Amino acid sequence: MGTVKVVAPKPPERVLYVDATDQVLGRMAAEVAKKLLEGYRVYIVNAEKAVISGDPLMVFRGYRIWWEIKVHVNPYKWGPHRPRSPIAIVKKAVYGMLPKNKQKGREAMRRLKVYIGVPEELKNKQFIRFGFADARRLGHKFIRVGELAQRLGWKGVRSRS
């Protein structure tokens, strides 16, 4: 008599749609990293509208200092590679809050998708915003990620028409 293999049904995928408009980048990234480690698939839209708290000039200078670190090898080939686009800046913030050199950290990053604006396939989805990460709670200056990216040399999204 043969053996019967029982396969458990696959649990439904947990998905989270986040609108980054007026969300403080670090606070939002911390919550997104936590959800990714819990197994959620996370889609972040409007990445260029997230904010970084602090005086805009000081935030820009901090990124410029980070960019001016020199290396003794060809930087275009070997790095260090710095994020320039809003998508890369947001992904780098989330990546910094995930475990490095571990399988679960790599798998978590694969479940993260970041978009500039709202793509057509996500137009009818229900987006959440984190109340504790709202920029209106800030009592001081801030800079938007899109503005910082343009100052760092990002050319922007070109229309395909």
Foldseek 3Di string as FASTA:
>chain_A
DDDDDDDDDDDDAAEAEAEQAQFALLVVLLVLLVVLLVRHQYEYEQLQRHKHDDDVVVVLVVVVVVVPDDDPDDCVVVHPDDDQASQRVSLVSNLVNFDPPDPSSVSSSVSYHYYNHADPVCPPPDHDYDPVRGNVPDPHDIDGSNVSSVVVPDPDDDDPD
